[in-house]
Each structure stands twice: as C-alpha cells, then as structure tokens.
C-alpha cells in the first residue's frame, strides 16, 4: 500500500506543477497591461510603474513565474493591492464557510442517495424503482438557482422558519449557524443525491448478480449483511469517484448558491475578486482550489486501492 501511495505521489508532482503554471497564466495572459487593469481609475504613470516593480511585471514571463512559484512554495501567495489583505488570510477566512457547506451537502446527499440506491437495486424494475428514478431525473433537470429560490419561498417567506440570506459563524452561535446553513445545504444536498443514487443503483445491480453474493446468501447470511457488507463495498468505486468530483467542485465554492444566500465563502471571494479586478486574490484562490481538486483526486485513488486490493497490485 505504501508503494502504491508513493507512486501516486510521484505522479502528482508534474500535475501540481502544471496546475501552478496554468494558474499563473490566468493573469499574465490577460489582454493589456495587468497593472492598469488592477489599478483602474488610479492608473497614473507613477502608480503603474510602482505596481510593475512590486509585482515584477517588468521581468520576462519565465522569471515572473519562478518568482511567483518561489513565493507559493514558501507560503507567500501575495496580498491584495486594494485592501492589503494577504491571500492566505482571505482564503482562511472564507474556507470554513465553504467546507461547512460542502460537508452538509455531501452528507445530506449520501444520507438520501445511498439508501435509495440500495433499495432501488434490490427492487430493480419495480414501481418504487421507477418512481425514485423518475424523481431523480426530474431533480437533475432543475437548475440550482431555481431550487434555491423555491426553498427560500417555501421555508423563509411562506413558513418563516428559516432565514433566507443571513449567515451566523459557527463560533458565534451553533444553532444560529445551522439555521443559516440549512437552506443552502439542503439545496445542494437535493441536487447531489440523484447522481449518487443512480451510479450506486447501477453498480449494485451488477454486483448482486455475482457468484460471491449467491454464495453469501447460500450460507444463510442475513439480507442486511449481504447488502451492506458484501455488496456495498465492491459497488462503491464509481460512487467514490462521484463523491470526489463533487467535493472538488464544491470546495471551489458553489458560486450561485453562495451568492443567492449571501454566504461569505470561497466561491464568492473569487467572484468579488473578479468584479474588483483584484487579480492577486483571484490567482491565489484559483490556485488553492485547483491544488485541492488534485489532492482530492489523489485521495480518491487511494480509496480505490482500499476498496479493491487488485488495484494496488496492478491487476485491475
């Protein structure tokens, strides 16, 4: 297992370097003078020259990249030219909101999707299977903003039991935080479970037809043990892939959901940095999201080897 992880880490190095290079090019390939775009109305010749010197924009592109990469490796992602806030501080302030939203969404999606996927696999072709599958296809066709507005209308405006746009930090009030995250978390959970249910149902139908499942049933094992122990684990490879992709997407911030519910998350930080032309914050936030996505895919690869030992021995 350690050898498998070591090989994957070696493969990770060129991928991360490619990610840093592409992230750096986000700002450097913009048309026009980057310093003028960042300064906006304050783009006097003196200010432009000072920003050129500060950011090293007068250097060749490859030297700019090496200078920036050196700062990244030492934990210095730069600071906002507008507010003076460092990139790491800005990300650290916004990341807990995005992580909490991501956890609520994934847990909610799994709590709904996994039981329904198992149930539909056991009763494949039944009226229940068709009804749940039809509901899943219907939800997949609903845009996120429409579902968010519908939940706000029902639970915030009509019933008045949940806030629509306020955010309460977890450290300030646990109950208030959960109430403020209920609607955005429910919106994402309702959008996540159909895909999880569909892939688990499909894989589990195939697994239940395998010989080792027939052997387990012939031994007289309880149906619950057959499903949850013998069938669920080998049926979870595609499910783990979907979860990894979802987490990678959500850690970048669900821009639409965070904007609708006024959550100060990472996605909203990226949008705000675009509107304010704060390309240093934008560059650092995009780099963080991209590297996080790569690391999450690495964790998914390791989980593959845990779920199926043939993978780490190179026979699958």
C-alpha atoms as a PDB file:
ATOM      1  CA  UNK A   1       0.000   0.000   0.000  1.00  0.00           C
ATOM      2  CA  UNK A   2       2.851   2.390   0.833  1.00  0.00           C
ATOM      3  CA  UNK A   3       4.441   1.664  -2.538  1.00  0.00           C
ATOM      4  CA  UNK A   4       1.145   2.405  -4.278  1.00  0.00           C
ATOM      5  CA  UNK A   5       0.795   5.724  -2.427  1.00  0.00           C
ATOM      6  CA  UNK A   6       4.422   6.596  -3.194  1.00  0.00           C
ATOM      7  CA  UNK A   7       3.935   6.026  -6.931  1.00  0.00           C
ATOM      8  CA  UNK A   8       0.805   8.170  -6.911  1.00  0.00           C
ATOM      9  CA  UNK A   9       2.656  10.964  -5.091  1.00  0.00           C
ATOM     10  CA  UNK A  10       5.399  10.889  -7.736  1.00  0.00           C
ATOM     11  CA  UNK A  11       2.773  11.208 -10.471  1.00  0.00           C
ATOM     12  CA  UNK A  12       1.285  14.116  -8.530  1.00  0.00           C
ATOM     13  CA  UNK A  13       4.388  16.340  -8.827  1.00  0.00           C
ATOM     14  CA  UNK A  14       4.160  17.166 -12.575  1.00  0.00           C
ATOM     15  CA  UNK A  15       0.393  17.594 -12.272  1.00  0.00           C
ATOM     16  CA  UNK A  16       0.765  20.156  -9.482  1.00  0.00           C
ATOM     17  CA  UNK A  17       3.491  21.995 -11.414  1.00  0.00           C
ATOM     18  CA  UNK A  18       1.225  22.127 -14.468  1.00  0.00           C
ATOM     19  CA  UNK A  19      -1.588  23.461 -12.280  1.00  0.00           C
ATOM     20  CA  UNK A  20       0.638  26.230 -10.901  1.00  0.00           C
ATOM     21  CA  UNK A  21       1.786  27.190 -14.410  1.00  0.00           C
ATOM     22  CA  UNK A  22      -1.776  27.386 -15.752  1.00  0.00           C
ATOM     23  CA  UNK A  23      -2.901  29.355 -12.706  1.00  0.00           C
ATOM     24  CA  UNK A  24      -0.056  31.839 -13.163  1.00  0.00           C
ATOM     25  CA  UNK A  25      -1.008  32.308 -16.809  1.00  0.00           C
ATOM     26  CA  UNK A  26      -4.536  33.396 -15.800  1.00  0.00           C
ATOM     27  CA  UNK A  27      -3.291  36.887 -15.032  1.00  0.00           C
ATOM     28  CA  UNK A  28      -0.274  37.086 -17.312  1.00  0.00           C
ATOM     29  CA  UNK A  29      -2.222  36.288 -20.498  1.00  0.00           C
ATOM     30  CA  UNK A  30      -4.919  38.899 -19.950  1.00  0.00           C
ATOM     31  CA  UNK A  31      -5.009  41.476 -22.746  1.00  0.00           C
ATOM     32  CA  UNK A  32      -3.498  44.857 -21.991  1.00  0.00           C
ATOM     33  CA  UNK A  33      -1.394  45.939 -19.057  1.00  0.00           C
ATOM     34  CA  UNK A  34      -2.208  43.966 -15.897  1.00  0.00           C
ATOM     35  CA  UNK A  35      -1.161  46.840 -13.657  1.00  0.00           C
ATOM     36  CA  UNK A  36      -3.519  49.242 -15.445  1.00  0.00           C
ATOM     37  CA  UNK A  37      -6.378  46.760 -15.124  1.00  0.00           C
ATOM     38  CA  UNK A  38      -5.702  46.294 -11.405  1.00  0.00           C
ATOM     39  CA  UNK A  39      -5.388  49.999 -10.630  1.00  0.00           C
ATOM     40  CA  UNK A  40      -8.426  51.098 -12.622  1.00  0.00           C
ATOM     41  CA  UNK A  41      -9.097  54.823 -12.127  1.00  0.00           C
ATOM     42  CA  UNK A  42      -5.881  55.173 -10.106  1.00  0.00           C
ATOM     43  CA  UNK A  43      -3.694  54.045 -13.027  1.00  0.00           C
ATOM     44  CA  UNK A  44      -1.359  57.037 -13.107  1.00  0.00           C
ATOM     45  CA  UNK A  45       2.090  56.521 -14.684  1.00  0.00           C
ATOM     46  CA  UNK A  46       3.690  56.622 -11.230  1.00  0.00           C
ATOM     47  CA  UNK A  47       1.285  54.058  -9.741  1.00  0.00           C
ATOM     48  CA  UNK A  48       1.619  51.773 -12.763  1.00  0.00           C
ATOM     49  CA  UNK A  49       5.410  51.890 -12.566  1.00  0.00           C
ATOM     50  CA  UNK A  50       5.329  51.177  -8.817  1.00  0.00           C
ATOM     51  CA  UNK A  51       2.992  48.203  -9.274  1.00  0.00           C
ATOM     52  CA  UNK A  52       5.167  46.887 -12.110  1.00  0.00           C
ATOM     53  CA  UNK A  53       8.155  46.905  -9.793  1.00  0.00           C
ATOM     54  CA  UNK A  54       6.211  45.420  -6.867  1.00  0.00           C
ATOM     55  CA  UNK A  55       4.807  42.503  -8.873  1.00  0.00           C
ATOM     56  CA  UNK A  56       7.853  42.033 -11.091  1.00  0.00           C
ATOM     57  CA  UNK A  57       5.845  42.670 -14.249  1.00  0.00           C
ATOM     58  CA  UNK A  58       8.878  44.200 -15.939  1.00  0.00           C
ATOM     59  CA  UNK A  59      10.669  40.820 -15.822  1.00  0.00           C
ATOM     60  CA  UNK A  60      10.476  38.120 -18.511  1.00  0.00           C
ATOM     61  CA  UNK A  61       7.471  35.829 -18.154  1.00  0.00           C
ATOM     62  CA  UNK A  62       9.503  32.791 -17.064  1.00  0.00           C
ATOM     63  CA  UNK A  63      11.243  34.793 -14.341  1.00  0.00           C
ATOM     64  CA  UNK A  64       7.890  36.123 -13.171  1.00  0.00           C
ATOM     65  CA  UNK A  65       6.646  32.536 -12.893  1.00  0.00           C
ATOM     66  CA  UNK A  66       9.712  31.335 -10.989  1.00  0.00           C
ATOM     67  CA  UNK A  67       9.472  34.315  -8.627  1.00  0.00           C
ATOM     68  CA  UNK A  68       5.790  33.653  -8.028  1.00  0.00           C
ATOM     69  CA  UNK A  69       6.336  29.893  -7.638  1.00  0.00           C
ATOM     70  CA  UNK A  70       9.060  30.548  -5.078  1.00  0.00           C
ATOM     71  CA  UNK A  71       6.603  32.603  -3.081  1.00  0.00           C
ATOM     72  CA  UNK A  72       3.971  29.868  -3.347  1.00  0.00           C
ATOM     73  CA  UNK A  73       6.406  27.219  -2.073  1.00  0.00           C
ATOM     74  CA  UNK A  74       7.216  29.411   0.945  1.00  0.00           C
ATOM     75  CA  UNK A  75       3.555  30.145   1.656  1.00  0.00           C
ATOM     76  CA  UNK A  76       3.581  33.671   0.251  1.00  0.00           C
ATOM     77  CA  UNK A  77       0.748  33.995  -2.285  1.00  0.00           C
ATOM     78  CA  UNK A  78       0.886  37.775  -2.249  1.00  0.00           C
ATOM     79  CA  UNK A  79      -1.519  40.378  -0.936  1.00  0.00           C
ATOM     80  CA  UNK A  80      -4.427  42.340  -2.310  1.00  0.00           C
ATOM     81  CA  UNK A  81      -3.366  45.652  -3.839  1.00  0.00           C
ATOM     82  CA  UNK A  82      -6.784  47.025  -2.913  1.00  0.00           C
ATOM     83  CA  UNK A  83      -7.137  46.093   0.776  1.00  0.00           C
ATOM     84  CA  UNK A  84      -3.643  44.922   1.698  1.00  0.00           C
ATOM     85  CA  UNK A  85      -5.057  41.593   2.957  1.00  0.00           C
ATOM     86  CA  UNK A  86      -2.847  38.604   2.249  1.00  0.00           C
ATOM     87  CA  UNK A  87      -4.203  35.864   0.012  1.00  0.00           C
ATOM     88  CA  UNK A  88      -3.746  33.202   2.694  1.00  0.00           C
ATOM     89  CA  UNK A  89      -5.688  35.305   5.197  1.00  0.00           C
ATOM     90  CA  UNK A  90      -8.513  35.878   2.723  1.00  0.00           C
ATOM     91  CA  UNK A  91      -8.737  32.154   1.921  1.00  0.00           C
ATOM     92  CA  UNK A  92      -8.526  31.162   5.592  1.00  0.00           C
ATOM     93  CA  UNK A  93     -11.434  33.488   6.432  1.00  0.00           C
ATOM     94  CA  UNK A  94     -13.659  32.146   3.637  1.00  0.00           C
ATOM     95  CA  UNK A  95     -12.685  28.470   3.601  1.00  0.00           C
ATOM     96  CA  UNK A  96     -14.565  27.355   6.777  1.00  0.00           C
ATOM     97  CA  UNK A  97     -17.852  28.538   5.269  1.00  0.00           C
ATOM     98  CA  UNK A  98     -17.259  26.601   2.048  1.00  0.00           C
ATOM     99  CA  UNK A  99     -16.094  23.474   3.910  1.00  0.00           C
ATOM    100  CA  UNK A 100     -19.155  23.523   6.158  1.00  0.00           C
ATOM    101  CA  UNK A 101     -21.443  23.922   3.164  1.00  0.00           C
ATOM    102  CA  UNK A 102     -19.602  21.109   1.370  1.00  0.00           C
ATOM    103  CA  UNK A 103     -19.898  18.739   4.355  1.00  0.00           C
ATOM    104  CA  UNK A 104     -23.611  19.438   4.791  1.00  0.00           C
ATOM    105  CA  UNK A 105     -24.262  18.948   1.085  1.00  0.00           C
ATOM    106  CA  UNK A 106     -22.303  15.693   0.786  1.00  0.00           C
ATOM    107  CA  UNK A 107     -23.647  14.170   3.995  1.00  0.00           C
ATOM    108  CA  UNK A 108     -27.184  15.112   3.026  1.00  0.00           C
ATOM    109  CA  UNK A 109     -26.722  13.707  -0.471  1.00  0.00           C
ATOM    110  CA  UNK A 110     -25.276  10.441   0.881  1.00  0.00           C
ATOM    111  CA  UNK A 111     -27.994  10.044   3.521  1.00  0.00           C
ATOM    112  CA  UNK A 112     -30.617  10.309   0.791  1.00  0.00           C
ATOM    113  CA  UNK A 113     -28.847   8.722  -2.183  1.00  0.00           C
ATOM    114  CA  UNK A 114     -27.209   5.627  -0.648  1.00  0.00           C
ATOM    115  CA  UNK A 115     -30.318   4.106   0.997  1.00  0.00           C
ATOM    116  CA  UNK A 116     -32.413   4.846  -2.088  1.00  0.00           C
ATOM    117  CA  UNK A 117     -29.723   3.388  -4.360  1.00  0.00           C
ATOM    118  CA  UNK A 118     -29.616   0.150  -2.347  1.00  0.00           C
ATOM    119  CA  UNK A 119     -33.403  -0.047  -2.199  1.00  0.00           C
ATOM    120  CA  UNK A 120     -33.798   0.512  -5.934  1.00  0.00           C
ATOM    121  CA  UNK A 121     -31.106  -2.074  -6.696  1.00  0.00           C
ATOM    122  CA  UNK A 122     -32.839  -4.698  -4.573  1.00  0.00           C
ATOM    123  CA  UNK A 123     -36.190  -3.908  -6.180  1.00  0.00           C
ATOM    124  CA  UNK A 124     -34.942  -3.179  -9.686  1.00  0.00           C
ATOM    125  CA  UNK A 125     -37.765  -2.787 -12.182  1.00  0.00           C
ATOM    126  CA  UNK A 126     -40.443  -2.357  -9.522  1.00  0.00           C
ATOM    127  CA  UNK A 127     -42.838   0.561  -9.268  1.00  0.00           C
ATOM    128  CA  UNK A 128     -40.752   2.000  -6.423  1.00  0.00           C
ATOM    129  CA  UNK A 129     -37.590   1.829  -8.538  1.00  0.00           C
ATOM    130  CA  UNK A 130     -39.295   3.574 -11.446  1.00  0.00           C
ATOM    131  CA  UNK A 131     -40.786   6.273  -9.203  1.00  0.00           C
ATOM    132  CA  UNK A 132     -37.480   7.055  -7.455  1.00  0.00           C
ATOM    133  CA  UNK A 133     -35.545   7.007 -10.740  1.00  0.00           C
ATOM    134  CA  UNK A 134     -38.088   9.341 -12.322  1.00  0.00           C
ATOM    135  CA  UNK A 135     -37.838  11.703  -9.353  1.00  0.00           C
ATOM    136  CA  UNK A 136     -34.036  11.649  -9.610  1.00  0.00           C
ATOM    137  CA  UNK A 137     -34.123  12.512 -13.316  1.00  0.00           C
ATOM    138  CA  UNK A 138     -36.574  15.324 -12.580  1.00  0.00           C
ATOM    139  CA  UNK A 139     -34.351  16.856  -9.893  1.00  0.00           C
ATOM    140  CA  UNK A 140     -31.279  16.588 -12.140  1.00  0.00           C
ATOM    141  CA  UNK A 141     -33.045  18.820 -14.650  1.00  0.00           C
ATOM    142  CA  UNK A 142     -33.753  21.567 -12.098  1.00  0.00           C
ATOM    143  CA  UNK A 143     -31.259  24.488 -12.175  1.00  0.00           C
ATOM    144  CA  UNK A 144     -29.597  25.200  -8.795  1.00  0.00           C
ATOM    145  CA  UNK A 145     -30.832  28.800  -8.641  1.00  0.00           C
ATOM    146  CA  UNK A 146     -34.441  27.706  -9.247  1.00  0.00           C
ATOM    147  CA  UNK A 147     -34.352  25.137  -6.449  1.00  0.00           C
ATOM    148  CA  UNK A 148     -32.732  27.687  -4.123  1.00  0.00           C
ATOM    149  CA  UNK A 149     -35.415  30.281  -4.859  1.00  0.00           C
ATOM    150  CA  UNK A 150     -38.149  27.668  -4.349  1.00  0.00           C
ATOM    151  CA  UNK A 151     -36.781  26.675  -0.931  1.00  0.00           C
ATOM    152  CA  UNK A 152     -36.461  30.329   0.076  1.00  0.00           C
ATOM    153  CA  UNK A 153     -40.057  30.935  -0.947  1.00  0.00           C
ATOM    154  CA  UNK A 154     -41.370  27.922   0.994  1.00  0.00           C
ATOM    155  CA  UNK A 155     -39.296  27.949   4.189  1.00  0.00           C
ATOM    156  CA  UNK A 156     -38.284  31.613   4.525  1.00  0.00           C
ATOM    157  CA  UNK A 157     -41.184  33.584   3.058  1.00  0.00           C
ATOM    158  CA  UNK A 158     -44.210  31.325   3.493  1.00  0.00           C
ATOM    159  CA  UNK A 159     -43.375  29.421   6.681  1.00  0.00           C
ATOM    160  CA  UNK A 160     -40.838  31.861   8.120  1.00  0.00           C
ATOM    161  CA  UNK A 161     -38.936  29.107   9.925  1.00  0.00           C
ATOM    162  CA  UNK A 162     -35.522  29.589   8.296  1.00  0.00           C
ATOM    163  CA  UNK A 163     -33.528  32.697   7.325  1.00  0.00           C
ATOM    164  CA  UNK A 164     -33.019  33.358   3.642  1.00  0.00           C
ATOM    165  CA  UNK A 165     -29.733  35.264   3.402  1.00  0.00           C
ATOM    166  CA  UNK A 166     -28.196  35.807   6.845  1.00  0.00           C
ATOM    167  CA  UNK A 167     -25.027  33.978   7.923  1.00  0.00           C
ATOM    168  CA  UNK A 168     -24.037  33.310  11.532  1.00  0.00           C
ATOM    169  CA  UNK A 169     -20.495  32.000  12.213  1.00  0.00           C
ATOM    170  CA  UNK A 170     -20.287  28.622  13.919  1.00  0.00           C
ATOM    171  CA  UNK A 171     -18.093  30.043  16.687  1.00  0.00           C
ATOM    172  CA  UNK A 172     -20.690  32.688  17.487  1.00  0.00           C
ATOM    173  CA  UNK A 173     -23.883  30.631  17.690  1.00  0.00           C
ATOM    174  CA  UNK A 174     -24.108  26.926  16.796  1.00  0.00           C
ATOM    175  CA  UNK A 175     -27.892  26.838  16.445  1.00  0.00           C
ATOM    176  CA  UNK A 176     -27.951  30.100  14.514  1.00  0.00           C
ATOM    177  CA  UNK A 177     -25.225  28.795  12.231  1.00  0.00           C
ATOM    178  CA  UNK A 178     -27.146  25.616  11.486  1.00  0.00           C
ATOM    179  CA  UNK A 179     -30.288  27.621  10.743  1.00  0.00           C
ATOM    180  CA  UNK A 180     -28.411  29.921   8.381  1.00  0.00           C
ATOM    181  CA  UNK A 181     -26.803  26.967   6.566  1.00  0.00           C
ATOM    182  CA  UNK A 182     -29.961  24.847   6.407  1.00  0.00           C
ATOM    183  CA  UNK A 183     -31.375  26.210   3.144  1.00  0.00           C
ATOM    184  CA  UNK A 184     -28.109  26.367   1.131  1.00  0.00           C
ATOM    185  CA  UNK A 185     -27.089  22.948   2.461  1.00  0.00           C
ATOM    186  CA  UNK A 186     -30.492  21.456   1.636  1.00  0.00           C
ATOM    187  CA  UNK A 187     -30.368  22.958  -1.854  1.00  0.00           C
ATOM    188  CA  UNK A 188     -27.044  21.301  -2.632  1.00  0.00           C
ATOM    189  CA  UNK A 189     -27.987  18.013  -0.938  1.00  0.00           C
ATOM    190  CA  UNK A 190     -31.142  17.773  -3.046  1.00  0.00           C
ATOM    191  CA  UNK A 191     -29.025  18.358  -6.146  1.00  0.00           C
ATOM    192  CA  UNK A 192     -26.349  15.823  -5.122  1.00  0.00           C
ATOM    193  CA  UNK A 193     -28.342  12.711  -4.234  1.00  0.00           C
ATOM    194  CA  UNK A 194     -29.784  11.800  -7.681  1.00  0.00           C
ATOM    195  CA  UNK A 195     -26.352  11.199  -9.250  1.00  0.00           C
ATOM    196  CA  UNK A 196     -25.166   9.252  -6.193  1.00  0.00           C
ATOM    197  CA  UNK A 197     -28.295   7.126  -6.206  1.00  0.00           C
ATOM    198  CA  UNK A 198     -28.139   6.366  -9.924  1.00  0.00           C
ATOM    199  CA  UNK A 199     -24.493   5.215 -10.017  1.00  0.00           C
ATOM    200  CA  UNK A 200     -24.855   3.134  -6.832  1.00  0.00           C
ATOM    201  CA  UNK A 201     -28.049   1.519  -8.111  1.00  0.00           C
ATOM    202  CA  UNK A 202     -26.444   0.591 -11.427  1.00  0.00           C
ATOM    203  CA  UNK A 203     -23.269  -0.852  -9.883  1.00  0.00           C
ATOM    204  CA  UNK A 204     -25.129  -2.690  -7.142  1.00  0.00           C
ATOM    205  CA  UNK A 205     -27.492  -4.401  -9.583  1.00  0.00           C
ATOM    206  CA  UNK A 206     -24.422  -5.842 -11.310  1.00  0.00           C
ATOM    207  CA  UNK A 207     -22.780  -6.836  -8.011  1.00  0.00           C
ATOM    208  CA  UNK A 208     -25.888  -8.627  -6.737  1.00  0.00           C
ATOM    209  CA  UNK A 209     -25.642 -10.965  -9.725  1.00  0.00           C
ATOM    210  CA  UNK A 210     -22.093 -12.082  -8.854  1.00  0.00           C
ATOM    211  CA  UNK A 211     -21.309 -15.593  -7.620  1.00  0.00           C
ATOM    212  CA  UNK A 212     -19.923 -14.475  -4.262  1.00  0.00           C
ATOM    213  CA  UNK A 213     -23.268 -12.836  -3.443  1.00  0.00           C
ATOM    214  CA  UNK A 214     -25.065 -16.105  -4.253  1.00  0.00           C
ATOM    215  CA  UNK A 215     -22.558 -17.898  -2.018  1.00  0.00           C
ATOM    216  CA  UNK A 216     -23.189 -15.457   0.835  1.00  0.00           C
ATOM    217  CA  UNK A 217     -26.922 -15.983   0.536  1.00  0.00           C
ATOM    218  CA  UNK A 218     -26.471 -19.755   0.348  1.00  0.00           C
ATOM    219  CA  UNK A 219     -24.618 -19.615   3.685  1.00  0.00           C
ATOM    220  CA  UNK A 220     -27.754 -18.147   5.216  1.00  0.00           C
ATOM    221  CA  UNK A 221     -26.342 -14.693   5.926  1.00  0.00           C
ATOM    222  CA  UNK A 222     -28.958 -12.021   6.731  1.00  0.00           C
ATOM    223  CA  UNK A 223     -30.050  -9.887   3.796  1.00  0.00           C
ATOM    224  CA  UNK A 224     -28.846  -6.728   5.545  1.00  0.00           C
ATOM    225  CA  UNK A 225     -25.336  -8.148   5.953  1.00  0.00           C
ATOM    226  CA  UNK A 226     -25.237  -9.317   2.342  1.00  0.00           C
ATOM    227  CA  UNK A 227     -26.194  -5.856   1.104  1.00  0.00           C
ATOM    228  CA  UNK A 228     -24.187  -3.643   3.451  1.00  0.00           C
ATOM    229  CA  UNK A 229     -21.043  -5.776   3.838  1.00  0.00           C
ATOM    230  CA  UNK A 230     -20.650  -7.966   0.774  1.00  0.00           C
ATOM    231  CA  UNK A 231     -22.393  -5.946  -1.960  1.00  0.00           C
ATOM    232  CA  UNK A 232     -21.956  -2.295  -0.987  1.00  0.00           C
ATOM    233  CA  UNK A 233     -18.140  -2.213  -0.820  1.00  0.00           C
ATOM    234  CA  UNK A 234     -17.371  -3.520  -4.346  1.00  0.00           C
ATOM    235  CA  UNK A 235     -20.216  -1.363  -5.685  1.00  0.00           C
ATOM    236  CA  UNK A 236     -18.746   1.850  -4.295  1.00  0.00           C
ATOM    237  CA  UNK A 237     -15.913   2.546  -6.753  1.00  0.00           C
ATOM    238  CA  UNK A 238     -17.997   4.721  -9.067  1.00  0.00           C
ATOM    239  CA  UNK A 239     -19.719   6.256  -6.034  1.00  0.00           C
ATOM    240  CA  UNK A 240     -16.334   7.288  -4.600  1.00  0.00           C
ATOM    241  CA  UNK A 241     -15.437   8.852  -7.955  1.00  0.00           C
ATOM    242  CA  UNK A 242     -18.619  10.919  -7.983  1.00  0.00           C
ATOM    243  CA  UNK A 243     -18.099  11.991  -4.369  1.00  0.00           C
ATOM    244  CA  UNK A 244     -14.524  13.052  -5.135  1.00  0.00           C
ATOM    245  CA  UNK A 245     -15.618  15.097  -8.133  1.00  0.00           C
ATOM    246  CA  UNK A 246     -18.426  16.682  -6.110  1.00  0.00           C
ATOM    247  CA  UNK A 247     -16.093  17.640  -3.262  1.00  0.00           C
ATOM    248  CA  UNK A 248     -13.586  19.092  -5.710  1.00  0.00           C
ATOM    249  CA  UNK A 249     -16.345  21.138  -7.290  1.00  0.00           C
ATOM    250  CA  UNK A 250     -17.839  22.272  -4.003  1.00  0.00           C
ATOM    251  CA  UNK A 251     -14.524  23.263  -2.416  1.00  0.00           C
ATOM    252  CA  UNK A 252     -14.168  25.800  -5.185  1.00  0.00           C
ATOM    253  CA  UNK A 253     -17.311  27.362  -3.855  1.00  0.00           C
ATOM    254  CA  UNK A 254     -20.759  26.997  -5.314  1.00  0.00           C
ATOM    255  CA  UNK A 255     -20.827  30.492  -6.744  1.00  0.00           C
ATOM    256  CA  UNK A 256     -24.557  30.572  -7.455  1.00  0.00           C
ATOM    257  CA  UNK A 257     -25.623  29.203  -4.057  1.00  0.00           C
ATOM    258  CA  UNK A 258     -23.194  31.370  -2.091  1.00  0.00           C
ATOM    259  CA  UNK A 259     -24.372  34.433  -3.992  1.00  0.00           C
ATOM    260  CA  UNK A 260     -28.089  33.721  -3.558  1.00  0.00           C
ATOM    261  CA  UNK A 261     -27.781  33.018   0.179  1.00  0.00           C
ATOM    262  CA  UNK A 262     -25.107  35.713   0.773  1.00  0.00           C
ATOM    263  CA  UNK A 263     -22.583  33.259   2.219  1.00  0.00           C
ATOM    264  CA  UNK A 264     -19.015  34.583   2.607  1.00  0.00           C
ATOM    265  CA  UNK A 265     -17.416  31.512   1.069  1.00  0.00           C
ATOM    266  CA  UNK A 266     -14.538  30.839  -1.275  1.00  0.00           C
ATOM    267  CA  UNK A 267     -16.648  30.941  -4.422  1.00  0.00           C
ATOM    268  CA  UNK A 268     -17.976  34.372  -3.542  1.00  0.00           C
ATOM    269  CA  UNK A 269     -14.407  35.538  -2.860  1.00  0.00           C
ATOM    270  CA  UNK A 270     -13.431  34.536  -6.402  1.00  0.00           C
ATOM    271  CA  UNK A 271     -16.413  36.387  -7.881  1.00  0.00           C
ATOM    272  CA  UNK A 272     -15.707  39.507  -5.814  1.00  0.00           C
ATOM    273  CA  UNK A 273     -12.043  39.489  -6.832  1.00  0.00           C
ATOM    274  CA  UNK A 274     -13.114  39.409 -10.491  1.00  0.00           C
ATOM    275  CA  UNK A 275     -15.506  42.331 -10.044  1.00  0.00           C
ATOM    276  CA  UNK A 276     -12.914  44.406  -8.162  1.00  0.00           C
ATOM    277  CA  UNK A 277     -10.051  43.431 -10.520  1.00  0.00           C
ATOM    278  CA  UNK A 278      -8.116  42.034  -7.577  1.00  0.00           C
ATOM    279  CA  UNK A 279      -6.130  39.561  -9.648  1.00  0.00           C
ATOM    280  CA  UNK A 280      -3.691  38.676  -6.842  1.00  0.00           C
ATOM    281  CA  UNK A 281      -6.545  37.338  -4.702  1.00  0.00           C
ATOM    282  CA  UNK A 282      -8.085  35.692  -7.772  1.00  0.00           C
ATOM    283  CA  UNK A 283      -4.838  33.981  -8.713  1.00  0.00           C
ATOM    284  CA  UNK A 284      -4.224  32.673  -5.200  1.00  0.00           C
ATOM    285  CA  UNK A 285      -7.807  31.466  -4.709  1.00  0.00           C
ATOM    286  CA  UNK A 286      -7.864  29.671  -8.063  1.00  0.00           C
ATOM    287  CA  UNK A 287      -4.516  28.033  -7.269  1.00  0.00           C
ATOM    288  CA  UNK A 288      -5.826  26.833  -3.913  1.00  0.00           C
ATOM    289  CA  UNK A 289      -8.963  25.361  -5.486  1.00  0.00           C
ATOM    290  CA  UNK A 290      -7.001  23.676  -8.287  1.00  0.00           C
ATOM    291  CA  UNK A 291      -4.446  22.099  -5.944  1.00  0.00           C
ATOM    292  CA  UNK A 292      -7.238  20.997  -3.586  1.00  0.00           C
ATOM    293  CA  UNK A 293      -9.005  19.338  -6.525  1.00  0.00           C
ATOM    294  CA  UNK A 294      -5.803  17.475  -7.473  1.00  0.00           C
ATOM    295  CA  UNK A 295      -5.257  16.308  -3.879  1.00  0.00           C
ATOM    296  CA  UNK A 296      -8.854  15.137  -3.595  1.00  0.00           C
ATOM    297  CA  UNK A 297      -8.393  13.028  -6.722  1.00  0.00           C
ATOM    298  CA  UNK A 298      -5.254  11.574  -5.131  1.00  0.00           C
ATOM    299  CA  UNK A 299      -7.300  10.594  -2.071  1.00  0.00           C
ATOM    300  CA  UNK A 300      -9.878   9.009  -4.380  1.00  0.00           C
ATOM    301  CA  UNK A 301      -7.117   6.912  -5.995  1.00  0.00           C
ATOM    302  CA  UNK A 302      -6.027   5.715  -2.551  1.00  0.00           C
ATOM    303  CA  UNK A 303      -9.623   4.839  -1.656  1.00  0.00           C
ATOM    304  CA  UNK A 304      -9.832   2.761  -4.834  1.00  0.00           C
ATOM    305  CA  UNK A 305      -6.926   0.682  -3.558  1.00  0.00           C
ATOM    306  CA  UNK A 306      -8.610   0.301  -0.170  1.00  0.00           C
ATOM    307  CA  UNK A 307     -11.919  -0.814  -1.681  1.00  0.00           C
ATOM    308  CA  UNK A 308     -10.340  -3.139  -4.281  1.00  0.00           C
ATOM    309  CA  UNK A 309      -6.921  -4.639  -3.362  1.00  0.00           C
ATOM    310  CA  UNK A 310      -6.384  -5.721  -7.002  1.00  0.00           C
ATOM    311  CA  UNK A 311      -5.820  -2.068  -7.936  1.00  0.00           C
ATOM    312  CA  UNK A 312      -2.781  -1.554  -5.720  1.00  0.00           C
ATOM    313  CA  UNK A 313      -1.272  -4.794  -7.032  1.00  0.00           C
ATOM    314  CA  UNK A 314      -1.735  -3.661 -10.641  1.00  0.00           C
ATOM    315  CA  UNK A 315      -4.228  -6.357 -11.606  1.00  0.00           C
ATOM    316  CA  UNK A 316      -7.333  -4.184 -12.047  1.00  0.00           C
END
